[in-house]
C-alpha atoms as a PDB file:
ATOM      1  CA  MET A   1      80.372  83.648  87.191  1.00  0.00           C
ATOM      2  CA  VAL A   2      81.415  86.773  89.166  1.00  0.00           C
ATOM      3  CA  GLN A   3      82.268  89.816  87.100  1.00  0.00           C
ATOM      4  CA  GLN A   4      85.946  90.434  87.694  1.00  0.00           C
ATOM      5  CA  VAL A   5      87.332  93.948  88.245  1.00  0.00           C
ATOM      6  CA  ARG A   6      90.694  95.403  87.351  1.00  0.00           C
ATOM      7  CA  ILE A   7      92.884  96.549  90.196  1.00  0.00           C
ATOM      8  CA  GLY A   8      93.721 100.165  89.330  1.00  0.00           C
ATOM      9  CA  LYS A   9      96.049 100.429  86.338  1.00  0.00           C
ATOM     10  CA  THR A  10      97.493  96.913  86.770  1.00  0.00           C
ATOM     11  CA  ASP A  11      96.788  93.929  84.585  1.00  0.00           C
ATOM     12  CA  LEU A  12      95.400  92.051  87.613  1.00  0.00           C
ATOM     13  CA  TYR A  13      91.694  91.068  87.340  1.00  0.00           C
ATOM     14  CA  VAL A  14      89.977  89.747  90.439  1.00  0.00           C
ATOM     15  CA  ASN A  15      86.743  89.007  92.204  1.00  0.00           C
ATOM     16  CA  PRO A  16      85.944  92.298  94.033  1.00  0.00           C
ATOM     17  CA  ILE A  17      85.799  90.286  97.274  1.00  0.00           C
ATOM     18  CA  GLY A  18      89.188  88.864  98.104  1.00  0.00           C
ATOM     19  CA  LEU A  19      90.435  87.119 101.286  1.00  0.00           C
ATOM     20  CA  GLY A  20      92.628  88.638 103.978  1.00  0.00           C
ATOM     21  CA  THR A  21      94.681  85.790 105.425  1.00  0.00           C
ATOM     22  CA  ASN A  22      96.142  87.037 108.692  1.00  0.00           C
ATOM     23  CA  ALA A  23      94.095  84.295 110.396  1.00  0.00           C
ATOM     24  CA  VAL A  24      95.685  81.704 108.137  1.00  0.00           C
ATOM     25  CA  GLY A  25      98.850  80.823 110.014  1.00  0.00           C
ATOM     26  CA  GLY A  26      98.925  84.155 111.840  1.00  0.00           C
ATOM     27  CA  HIS A  27      99.851  82.562 115.139  1.00  0.00           C
ATOM     28  CA  ASN A  28     101.396  85.814 116.380  1.00  0.00           C
ATOM     29  CA  ILE A  29      98.092  87.675 115.764  1.00  0.00           C
ATOM     30  CA  TYR A  30      95.409  85.184 116.923  1.00  0.00           C
ATOM     31  CA  PRO A  31      95.694  82.509 119.635  1.00  0.00           C
ATOM     32  CA  ASN A  32      94.745  78.899 118.968  1.00  0.00           C
ATOM     33  CA  LEU A  33      94.808  78.904 115.196  1.00  0.00           C
ATOM     34  CA  ASN A  34      94.842  75.535 113.508  1.00  0.00           C
ATOM     35  CA  ASP A  35      96.968  75.305 110.364  1.00  0.00           C
ATOM     36  CA  GLU A  36      94.732  72.732 108.690  1.00  0.00           C
ATOM     37  CA  THR A  37      91.680  74.944 109.255  1.00  0.00           C
ATOM     38  CA  GLY A  38      93.687  77.809 107.770  1.00  0.00           C
ATOM     39  CA  LYS A  39      94.349  75.760 104.645  1.00  0.00           C
ATOM     40  CA  ASP A  40      90.667  74.880 104.491  1.00  0.00           C
ATOM     41  CA  VAL A  41      89.814  78.595 104.534  1.00  0.00           C
ATOM     42  CA  VAL A  42      92.083  79.087 101.479  1.00  0.00           C
ATOM     43  CA  ARG A  43      90.563  76.083  99.726  1.00  0.00           C
ATOM     44  CA  ALA A  44      87.075  77.379 100.429  1.00  0.00           C
ATOM     45  CA  ALA A  45      87.998  80.749  98.904  1.00  0.00           C
ATOM     46  CA  PHE A  46      89.116  79.099  95.652  1.00  0.00           C
ATOM     47  CA  GLU A  47      86.040  76.852  95.543  1.00  0.00           C
ATOM     48  CA  SER A  48      83.704  79.838  95.976  1.00  0.00           C
ATOM     49  CA  GLY A  49      85.282  81.865  93.181  1.00  0.00           C
ATOM     50  CA  ILE A  50      87.541  84.126  95.261  1.00  0.00           C
ATOM     51  CA  ASN A  51      90.871  84.452  93.435  1.00  0.00           C
ATOM     52  CA  PHE A  52      92.635  87.255  95.340  1.00  0.00           C
ATOM     53  CA  LEU A  53      94.564  86.472  98.523  1.00  0.00           C
ATOM     54  CA  ASP A  54      96.254  89.064 100.725  1.00  0.00           C
ATOM     55  CA  THR A  55      99.064  87.848 103.011  1.00  0.00           C
ATOM     56  CA  ALA A  56     102.363  89.125 104.491  1.00  0.00           C
ATOM     57  CA  TYR A  57     105.704  87.941 105.826  1.00  0.00           C
ATOM     58  CA  ILE A  58     104.724  89.044 109.388  1.00  0.00           C
ATOM     59  CA  TYR A  59     101.568  86.880 109.527  1.00  0.00           C
ATOM     60  CA  GLY A  60     103.049  83.983 111.484  1.00  0.00           C
ATOM     61  CA  PRO A  61     105.721  85.217 110.884  1.00  0.00           C
ATOM     62  CA  LYS A  62     106.177  83.337 107.545  1.00  0.00           C
ATOM     63  CA  ARG A  63     103.499  80.747 108.304  1.00  0.00           C
ATOM     64  CA  SER A  64     100.633  82.329 106.369  1.00  0.00           C
ATOM     65  CA  GLU A  65     102.667  82.434 103.147  1.00  0.00           C
ATOM     66  CA  GLU A  66     103.840  78.816 103.711  1.00  0.00           C
ATOM     67  CA  LEU A  67     100.310  77.519 104.120  1.00  0.00           C
ATOM     68  CA  ILE A  68      99.034  79.379 101.054  1.00  0.00           C
ATOM     69  CA  GLY A  69     101.974  77.953  99.089  1.00  0.00           C
ATOM     70  CA  GLU A  70     101.005  74.440 100.096  1.00  0.00           C
ATOM     71  CA  VAL A  71      97.403  74.871  98.976  1.00  0.00           C
ATOM     72  CA  ILE A  72      98.425  76.422  95.643  1.00  0.00           C
ATOM     73  CA  LYS A  73     100.849  73.542  95.067  1.00  0.00           C
ATOM     74  CA  GLU A  74      98.200  70.916  95.717  1.00  0.00           C
ATOM     75  CA  ARG A  75      95.762  72.808  93.475  1.00  0.00           C
ATOM     76  CA  GLY A  76      98.193  72.724  90.573  1.00  0.00           C
ATOM     77  CA  ASN A  77      96.930  75.792  88.738  1.00  0.00           C
ATOM     78  CA  ARG A  78      98.556  79.084  89.687  1.00  0.00           C
ATOM     79  CA  SER A  79      97.641  81.254  86.692  1.00  0.00           C
ATOM     80  CA  ASP A  80      94.104  82.156  87.799  1.00  0.00           C
ATOM     81  CA  ILE A  81      95.094  83.139  91.341  1.00  0.00           C
ATOM     82  CA  VAL A  82      96.267  86.639  92.321  1.00  0.00           C
ATOM     83  CA  ILE A  83      98.513  86.727  95.393  1.00  0.00           C
ATOM     84  CA  ALA A  84      99.454  89.833  97.312  1.00  0.00           C
ATOM     85  CA  THR A  85     102.097  89.783 100.011  1.00  0.00           C
ATOM     86  CA  LYS A  86     104.099  92.308 101.983  1.00  0.00           C
ATOM     87  CA  GLY A  87     107.556  92.879 103.459  1.00  0.00           C
ATOM     88  CA  ALA A  88     109.341  95.424 105.675  1.00  0.00           C
ATOM     89  CA  HIS A  89     109.538  93.735 109.071  1.00  0.00           C
ATOM     90  CA  LYS A  90     113.021  92.639 110.204  1.00  0.00           C
ATOM     91  CA  PHE A  91     113.983  91.069 113.522  1.00  0.00           C
ATOM     92  CA  VAL A  92     117.073  92.605 115.079  1.00  0.00           C
ATOM     93  CA  ASP A  93     118.051  91.267 118.560  1.00  0.00           C
ATOM     94  CA  GLY A  94     114.542  89.981 119.003  1.00  0.00           C
ATOM     95  CA  LYS A  95     112.928  93.362 118.196  1.00  0.00           C
ATOM     96  CA  VAL A  96     111.034  94.251 115.024  1.00  0.00           C
ATOM     97  CA  VAL A  97     112.336  97.100 112.893  1.00  0.00           C
ATOM     98  CA  PHE A  98     111.165  98.253 109.433  1.00  0.00           C
ATOM     99  CA  ASP A  99     113.523  98.187 106.477  1.00  0.00           C
ATOM    100  CA  ASN A 100     112.654  99.587 103.005  1.00  0.00           C
ATOM    101  CA  SER A 101     116.181  99.453 101.616  1.00  0.00           C
ATOM    102  CA  PRO A 102     116.395  98.107  98.048  1.00  0.00           C
ATOM    103  CA  ALA A 103     118.593  95.175  99.207  1.00  0.00           C
ATOM    104  CA  PHE A 104     116.161  94.176 101.910  1.00  0.00           C
ATOM    105  CA  LEU A 105     113.122  94.382  99.606  1.00  0.00           C
ATOM    106  CA  ARG A 106     114.866  92.240  97.033  1.00  0.00           C
ATOM    107  CA  ASP A 107     115.661  89.606  99.722  1.00  0.00           C
ATOM    108  CA  SER A 108     112.043  89.857 100.982  1.00  0.00           C
ATOM    109  CA  VAL A 109     110.626  89.099  97.566  1.00  0.00           C
ATOM    110  CA  GLU A 110     112.951  86.122  97.053  1.00  0.00           C
ATOM    111  CA  SER A 111     112.030  84.686 100.484  1.00  0.00           C
ATOM    112  CA  SER A 112     108.318  85.139  99.832  1.00  0.00           C
ATOM    113  CA  LEU A 113     108.627  83.421  96.451  1.00  0.00           C
ATOM    114  CA  GLU A 114     110.156  80.391  98.237  1.00  0.00           C
ATOM    115  CA  ARG A 115     107.473  80.218 100.937  1.00  0.00           C
ATOM    116  CA  LEU A 116     104.676  80.643  98.415  1.00  0.00           C
ATOM    117  CA  GLN A 117     106.302  78.045  96.152  1.00  0.00           C
ATOM    118  CA  THR A 118     105.799  80.233  93.090  1.00  0.00           C
ATOM    119  CA  ASP A 119     108.020  82.041  90.579  1.00  0.00           C
ATOM    120  CA  TYR A 120     106.189  85.351  90.687  1.00  0.00           C
ATOM    121  CA  ILE A 121     104.135  87.464  93.139  1.00  0.00           C
ATOM    122  CA  ASP A 122     101.201  89.342  91.630  1.00  0.00           C
ATOM    123  CA  LEU A 123     101.301  92.298  94.031  1.00  0.00           C
ATOM    124  CA  PHE A 124     104.114  93.106  96.475  1.00  0.00           C
ATOM    125  CA  TYR A 125     103.708  95.805  99.073  1.00  0.00           C
ATOM    126  CA  ILE A 126     106.175  97.683 101.247  1.00  0.00           C
ATOM    127  CA  HIS A 127     104.255  96.830 104.438  1.00  0.00           C
ATOM    128  CA  PHE A 128     105.340  99.807 106.591  1.00  0.00           C
ATOM    129  CA  PRO A 129     107.623 102.804 105.918  1.00  0.00           C
ATOM    130  CA  ASP A 130     111.030 102.998 107.501  1.00  0.00           C
ATOM    131  CA  GLU A 131     112.677 106.261 108.532  1.00  0.00           C
ATOM    132  CA  ALA A 132     115.810 106.129 106.428  1.00  0.00           C
ATOM    133  CA  THR A 133     115.011 105.042 102.857  1.00  0.00           C
ATOM    134  CA  PRO A 134     113.766 107.592 100.337  1.00  0.00           C
ATOM    135  CA  LYS A 135     110.425 106.221  99.270  1.00  0.00           C
ATOM    136  CA  ASP A 136     110.917 106.639  95.518  1.00  0.00           C
ATOM    137  CA  GLU A 137     114.175 104.690  95.873  1.00  0.00           C
ATOM    138  CA  ALA A 138     112.357 101.808  97.665  1.00  0.00           C
ATOM    139  CA  VAL A 139     109.683 101.759  94.971  1.00  0.00           C
ATOM    140  CA  GLY A 140     112.372 101.934  92.274  1.00  0.00           C
ATOM    141  CA  ALA A 141     113.756  98.633  93.583  1.00  0.00           C
ATOM    142  CA  LEU A 142     110.308  97.060  93.217  1.00  0.00           C
ATOM    143  CA  LYS A 143     110.071  98.497  89.655  1.00  0.00           C
ATOM    144  CA  GLU A 144     113.295  96.587  88.805  1.00  0.00           C
ATOM    145  CA  LEU A 145     111.760  93.397  90.264  1.00  0.00           C
ATOM    146  CA  ARG A 146     108.609  94.052  88.159  1.00  0.00           C
ATOM    147  CA  ASP A 147     110.762  94.438  85.040  1.00  0.00           C
ATOM    148  CA  GLN A 148     112.375  91.099  85.882  1.00  0.00           C
ATOM    149  CA  GLY A 149     108.991  89.400  86.163  1.00  0.00           C
ATOM    150  CA  LYS A 150     109.415  88.592  89.882  1.00  0.00           C
ATOM    151  CA  ILE A 151     106.375  90.752  90.745  1.00  0.00           C
ATOM    152  CA  ARG A 152     103.532  92.075  88.611  1.00  0.00           C
ATOM    153  CA  ALA A 153     102.371  95.124  90.576  1.00  0.00           C
ATOM    154  CA  ILE A 154     103.758  97.493  93.218  1.00  0.00           C
ATOM    155  CA  GLY A 155     102.037  98.395  96.482  1.00  0.00           C
ATOM    156  CA  VAL A 156     102.709 100.446  99.565  1.00  0.00           C
ATOM    157  CA  SER A 157     100.909 100.182 102.874  1.00  0.00           C
ATOM    158  CA  ASN A 158     100.603 102.422 105.902  1.00  0.00           C
ATOM    159  CA  PHE A 159     102.382 105.310 104.231  1.00  0.00           C
ATOM    160  CA  SER A 160     101.368 108.867 105.099  1.00  0.00           C
ATOM    161  CA  SER A 161     100.050 110.998 102.222  1.00  0.00           C
ATOM    162  CA  GLU A 162     103.470 112.710 102.059  1.00  0.00           C
ATOM    163  CA  GLN A 163     105.259 109.368 101.880  1.00  0.00           C
ATOM    164  CA  LEU A 164     102.791 108.139  99.203  1.00  0.00           C
ATOM    165  CA  ILE A 165     103.473 111.248  97.082  1.00  0.00           C
ATOM    166  CA  GLU A 166     107.241 110.658  97.382  1.00  0.00           C
ATOM    167  CA  ALA A 167     106.818 106.909  96.654  1.00  0.00           C
ATOM    168  CA  ASN A 168     104.791 107.672  93.482  1.00  0.00           C
ATOM    169  CA  LYS A 169     107.263 110.300  92.186  1.00  0.00           C
ATOM    170  CA  ASP A 170     107.800 108.250  89.004  1.00  0.00           C
ATOM    171  CA  GLY A 171     104.222 106.966  88.840  1.00  0.00           C
ATOM    172  CA  TYR A 172     105.130 103.416  89.681  1.00  0.00           C
ATOM    173  CA  VAL A 173     102.760 102.822  92.668  1.00  0.00           C
ATOM    174  CA  ASP A 174      99.792 100.631  91.664  1.00  0.00           C
ATOM    175  CA  VAL A 175      98.046  99.956  94.992  1.00  0.00           C
ATOM    176  CA  TYR A 176      97.849 101.607  98.388  1.00  0.00           C
ATOM    177  CA  GLN A 177      96.620  99.659 101.396  1.00  0.00           C
ATOM    178  CA  GLY A 178      95.557 101.597 104.483  1.00  0.00           C
ATOM    179  CA  TRP A 179      93.347 101.730 107.518  1.00  0.00           C
ATOM    180  CA  TYR A 180      89.882 102.906 106.466  1.00  0.00           C
ATOM    181  CA  ASN A 181      86.348 102.175 107.572  1.00  0.00           C
ATOM    182  CA  LEU A 182      83.123 104.049 108.401  1.00  0.00           C
ATOM    183  CA  PHE A 183      84.468 104.855 111.866  1.00  0.00           C
ATOM    184  CA  LYS A 184      87.923 105.914 110.581  1.00  0.00           C
ATOM    185  CA  ARG A 185      87.522 108.138 107.554  1.00  0.00           C
ATOM    186  CA  GLU A 186      90.667 110.313 107.626  1.00  0.00           C
ATOM    187  CA  ALA A 187      91.789 108.737 104.358  1.00  0.00           C
ATOM    188  CA  GLU A 188      88.964 110.669 102.626  1.00  0.00           C
ATOM    189  CA  ARG A 189      90.981 113.876 103.239  1.00  0.00           C
ATOM    190  CA  ASP A 190      94.101 113.182 101.190  1.00  0.00           C
ATOM    191  CA  LEU A 191      94.835 109.486 100.557  1.00  0.00           C
ATOM    192  CA  LEU A 192      91.658 108.520  98.722  1.00  0.00           C
ATOM    193  CA  PRO A 193      91.557 111.638  96.500  1.00  0.00           C
ATOM    194  CA  PHE A 194      95.299 111.177  95.628  1.00  0.00           C
ATOM    195  CA  ALA A 195      94.710 107.496  94.868  1.00  0.00           C
ATOM    196  CA  GLU A 196      91.724 108.301  92.601  1.00  0.00           C
ATOM    197  CA  LYS A 197      93.553 111.093  90.758  1.00  0.00           C
ATOM    198  CA  ASN A 198      96.643 108.891  90.138  1.00  0.00           C
ATOM    199  CA  ASN A 199      94.749 105.683  89.257  1.00  0.00           C
ATOM    200  CA  ILE A 200      96.137 103.951  92.374  1.00  0.00           C
ATOM    201  CA  SER A 201      93.792 101.334  93.750  1.00  0.00           C
ATOM    202  CA  PHE A 202      93.019 101.839  97.456  1.00  0.00           C
ATOM    203  CA  ILE A 203      92.483  98.625  99.474  1.00  0.00           C
ATOM    204  CA  PRO A 204      91.177  99.263 103.010  1.00  0.00           C
ATOM    205  CA  TYR A 205      92.110  97.116 105.959  1.00  0.00           C
ATOM    206  CA  PHE A 206      89.996  96.779 109.106  1.00  0.00           C
ATOM    207  CA  PRO A 207      86.944  97.435 106.907  1.00  0.00           C
ATOM    208  CA  LEU A 208      84.624  96.081 109.594  1.00  0.00           C
ATOM    209  CA  ALA A 209      86.355  97.793 112.501  1.00  0.00           C
ATOM    210  CA  SER A 210      87.276  94.600 114.409  1.00  0.00           C
ATOM    211  CA  GLY A 211      83.723  93.273 113.903  1.00  0.00           C
ATOM    212  CA  LEU A 212      81.889  96.392 115.188  1.00  0.00           C
ATOM    213  CA  LEU A 213      80.605  97.118 111.675  1.00  0.00           C
ATOM    214  CA  GLY A 214      79.539  93.479 111.298  1.00  0.00           C
ATOM    215  CA  GLY A 215      76.453  94.091 113.460  1.00  0.00           C
ATOM    216  CA  LYS A 216      77.157  91.163 115.808  1.00  0.00           C
ATOM    217  CA  TYR A 217      77.525  93.063 119.121  1.00  0.00           C
ATOM    218  CA  ASN A 218      75.097  94.661 121.558  1.00  0.00           C
ATOM    219  CA  SER A 219      75.386  96.775 124.737  1.00  0.00           C
ATOM    220  CA  ASN A 220      76.042  93.609 126.819  1.00  0.00           C
ATOM    221  CA  SER A 221      78.948  92.418 124.696  1.00  0.00           C
ATOM    222  CA  THR A 222      82.289  92.194 126.532  1.00  0.00           C
ATOM    223  CA  PHE A 223      85.790  91.813 125.122  1.00  0.00           C
ATOM    224  CA  ASN A 224      89.032  90.237 126.514  1.00  0.00           C
ATOM    225  CA  ASP A 225      91.242  90.839 123.477  1.00  0.00           C
ATOM    226  CA  GLY A 226      92.646  93.933 121.782  1.00  0.00           C
ATOM    227  CA  ARG A 227      89.144  95.365 121.483  1.00  0.00           C
ATOM    228  CA  ALA A 228      89.112  95.905 125.282  1.00  0.00           C
ATOM    229  CA  GLN A 229      91.615  98.768 124.776  1.00  0.00           C
ATOM    230  CA  ASN A 230      90.057 100.066 121.526  1.00  0.00           C
ATOM    231  CA  PRO A 231      88.335 103.439 122.105  1.00  0.00           C
ATOM    232  CA  LEU A 232      85.567 102.416 119.656  1.00  0.00           C
ATOM    233  CA  PHE A 233      84.512  99.721 122.137  1.00  0.00           C
ATOM    234  CA  GLN A 234      84.499 101.801 125.324  1.00  0.00           C
ATOM    235  CA  GLY A 235      81.772 103.441 127.397  1.00  0.00           C
ATOM    236  CA  ASP A 236      79.389 105.919 125.790  1.00  0.00           C
ATOM    237  CA  THR A 237      81.315 105.813 122.525  1.00  0.00           C
ATOM    238  CA  PHE A 238      80.531 102.097 122.185  1.00  0.00           C
ATOM    239  CA  ILE A 239      76.822 102.689 122.818  1.00  0.00           C
ATOM    240  CA  SER A 240      76.757 105.515 120.293  1.00  0.00           C
ATOM    241  CA  ASN A 241      78.566 103.335 117.743  1.00  0.00           C
ATOM    242  CA  LEU A 242      76.041 100.498 118.260  1.00  0.00           C
ATOM    243  CA  GLU A 243      73.212 102.947 117.547  1.00  0.00           C
ATOM    244  CA  LYS A 244      74.827 103.923 114.229  1.00  0.00           C
ATOM    245  CA  VAL A 245      75.177 100.241 113.306  1.00  0.00           C
ATOM    246  CA  GLU A 246      71.455  99.715 114.108  1.00  0.00           C
ATOM    247  CA  GLN A 247      70.586 102.351 111.546  1.00  0.00           C
ATOM    248  CA  VAL A 248      72.492 100.388 108.928  1.00  0.00           C
ATOM    249  CA  ARG A 249      70.675  97.229 110.069  1.00  0.00           C
ATOM    250  CA  GLU A 250      67.402  98.749 108.910  1.00  0.00           C
ATOM    251  CA  ILE A 251      68.764  99.020 105.357  1.00  0.00           C
ATOM    252  CA  ALA A 252      70.197  95.469 105.659  1.00  0.00           C
ATOM    253  CA  ASN A 253      66.868  94.019 106.846  1.00  0.00           C
ATOM    254  CA  ASN A 254      65.024  95.639 103.947  1.00  0.00           C
ATOM    255  CA  LYS A 255      67.397  93.902 101.568  1.00  0.00           C
ATOM    256  CA  GLY A 256      67.528  90.612 103.376  1.00  0.00           C
ATOM    257  CA  VAL A 257      71.282  90.749 103.978  1.00  0.00           C
ATOM    258  CA  GLU A 258      73.677  91.244 106.915  1.00  0.00           C
ATOM    259  CA  VAL A 259      74.962  94.583 108.207  1.00  0.00           C
ATOM    260  CA  ALA A 260      78.462  93.660 107.022  1.00  0.00           C
ATOM    261  CA  ASP A 261      77.231  93.157 103.480  1.00  0.00           C
ATOM    262  CA  ILE A 262      75.853  96.702 103.381  1.00  0.00           C
ATOM    263  CA  VAL A 263      79.011  98.192 104.869  1.00  0.00           C
ATOM    264  CA  LEU A 264      81.310  96.403 102.425  1.00  0.00           C
ATOM    265  CA  ALA A 265      79.063  97.324  99.490  1.00  0.00           C
ATOM    266  CA  TRP A 266      79.291 100.991 100.567  1.00  0.00           C
ATOM    267  CA  TYR A 267      83.114 100.837 100.301  1.00  0.00           C
ATOM    268  CA  LEU A 268      82.905  99.431  96.777  1.00  0.00           C
ATOM    269  CA  GLN A 269      81.012 102.625  95.783  1.00  0.00           C
ATOM    270  CA  GLN A 270      84.128 104.739  96.537  1.00  0.00           C
ATOM    271  CA  PRO A 271      85.878 105.532  93.213  1.00  0.00           C
ATOM    272  CA  ALA A 272      89.394 104.508  94.299  1.00  0.00           C
ATOM    273  CA  ILE A 273      88.269 101.214  95.883  1.00  0.00           C
ATOM    274  CA  ASP A 274      88.161  98.236  93.477  1.00  0.00           C
ATOM    275  CA  VAL A 275      88.492  95.272  95.846  1.00  0.00           C
ATOM    276  CA  LEU A 276      88.027  94.321  99.527  1.00  0.00           C
ATOM    277  CA  ILE A 277      89.865  91.783 101.594  1.00  0.00           C
ATOM    278  CA  PRO A 278      87.684  90.697 104.564  1.00  0.00           C
ATOM    279  CA  GLY A 279      89.274  87.944 106.621  1.00  0.00           C
ATOM    280  CA  ALA A 280      87.880  84.586 107.727  1.00  0.00           C
ATOM    281  CA  LYS A 281      88.838  82.157 110.491  1.00  0.00           C
ATOM    282  CA  LYS A 282      86.454  79.405 109.301  1.00  0.00           C
ATOM    283  CA  PRO A 283      85.712  78.056 105.802  1.00  0.00           C
ATOM    284  CA  GLU A 284      81.984  78.833 106.124  1.00  0.00           C
ATOM    285  CA  GLN A 285      82.746  82.539 106.677  1.00  0.00           C
ATOM    286  CA  VAL A 286      84.381  82.770 103.246  1.00  0.00           C
ATOM    287  CA  SER A 287      81.281  82.246 101.098  1.00  0.00           C
ATOM    288  CA  ARG A 288      79.315  84.468 103.475  1.00  0.00           C
ATOM    289  CA  ASN A 289      81.630  87.400 102.558  1.00  0.00           C
ATOM    290  CA  LEU A 290      80.481  87.002  98.941  1.00  0.00           C
ATOM    291  CA  ASN A 291      76.921  88.055  99.804  1.00  0.00           C
ATOM    292  CA  THR A 292      78.219  91.645  99.507  1.00  0.00           C
ATOM    293  CA  LEU A 293      78.161  91.244  95.726  1.00  0.00           C
ATOM    294  CA  LYS A 294      74.372  90.770  95.779  1.00  0.00           C
ATOM    295  CA  VAL A 295      73.837  94.170  97.354  1.00  0.00           C
ATOM    296  CA  VAL A 296      72.719  97.121  95.176  1.00  0.00           C
ATOM    297  CA  LEU A 297      72.700 100.432  97.060  1.00  0.00           C
ATOM    298  CA  THR A 298      70.639 103.367  95.819  1.00  0.00           C
ATOM    299  CA  LYS A 299      72.170 106.848  95.682  1.00  0.00           C
ATOM    300  CA  ASP A 300      69.977 107.832  98.707  1.00  0.00           C
ATOM    301  CA  GLU A 301      71.242 104.817 100.732  1.00  0.00           C
ATOM    302  CA  ILE A 302      74.863 105.630  99.936  1.00  0.00           C
ATOM    303  CA  GLU A 303      74.368 109.196 101.110  1.00  0.00           C
ATOM    304  CA  LYS A 304      72.437 108.105 104.236  1.00  0.00           C
ATOM    305  CA  ILE A 305      75.193 105.703 105.313  1.00  0.00           C
ATOM    306  CA  GLY A 306      77.801 108.397 104.739  1.00  0.00           C
ATOM    307  CA  GLN A 307      75.746 110.774 106.920  1.00  0.00           C
ATOM    308  CA  ILE A 308      75.227 108.280 109.763  1.00  0.00           C
ATOM    309  CA  PHE A 309      79.015 107.971 110.161  1.00  0.00           C
ATOM    310  CA  LYS A 310      79.832 111.571 109.283  1.00  0.00           C
END
């Protein structure tokens, strides 16, 4: 039985390895996804002891929430599952805009409840900030929904440190989700320290830097998707990044695990980080993610990895 951790100051207790589900029904993100395979990924998560799922309205759009709702319904037991979802995207004349207004957030929660076929959402995030709504007002609307029992915890995602401070003016923010990995460490300047000081749980996305920190690529690897435009994957920078990953591989080989396991274990050593949400496109990848929990890093190894990616 996996030791569960508490997410920040919430009453949510989860396996430290969750599941990011943008490849479950995220047809607007990945080509050629199969919905039944997506449902199998969710089933595999539950079967392997993962009880924390991270989804969003915009994954699909809507489809990820719908598929998760179907699996939860067939499973029958909702109480031991922790679901996070997000809202802010709105389609206006075919274009996406962000809306954090209280009315829109209330509607977003109601719509997500329907798609997920549940009567409460464990963690609801404002997915992206808009330009118009005061952030404490937006969070205040979620506080009302929490008081009503519609949601259990309040999150914000992709906010700047200034926006996070404004959002947390009344101390209501429970979780912050942001872009953070060993190649992108700006969050260590302001966001992670603020989260730690205010008992806000920080959940990183892109923890494996589009697979680069998974240790699967070499200097001959080529890319025909978004990675082709990603500076991390270009020219001398790519070669230099691969060399850094190879230094982590030495530690991984000594422990008999994968590079990704070491990287994810390193994040869990950060005081504000309680849980990780690596994604999976196939059921067999889900249980592989759990190998992270077998990794014990020494103080020297934690420092060494931090130095490699300084």
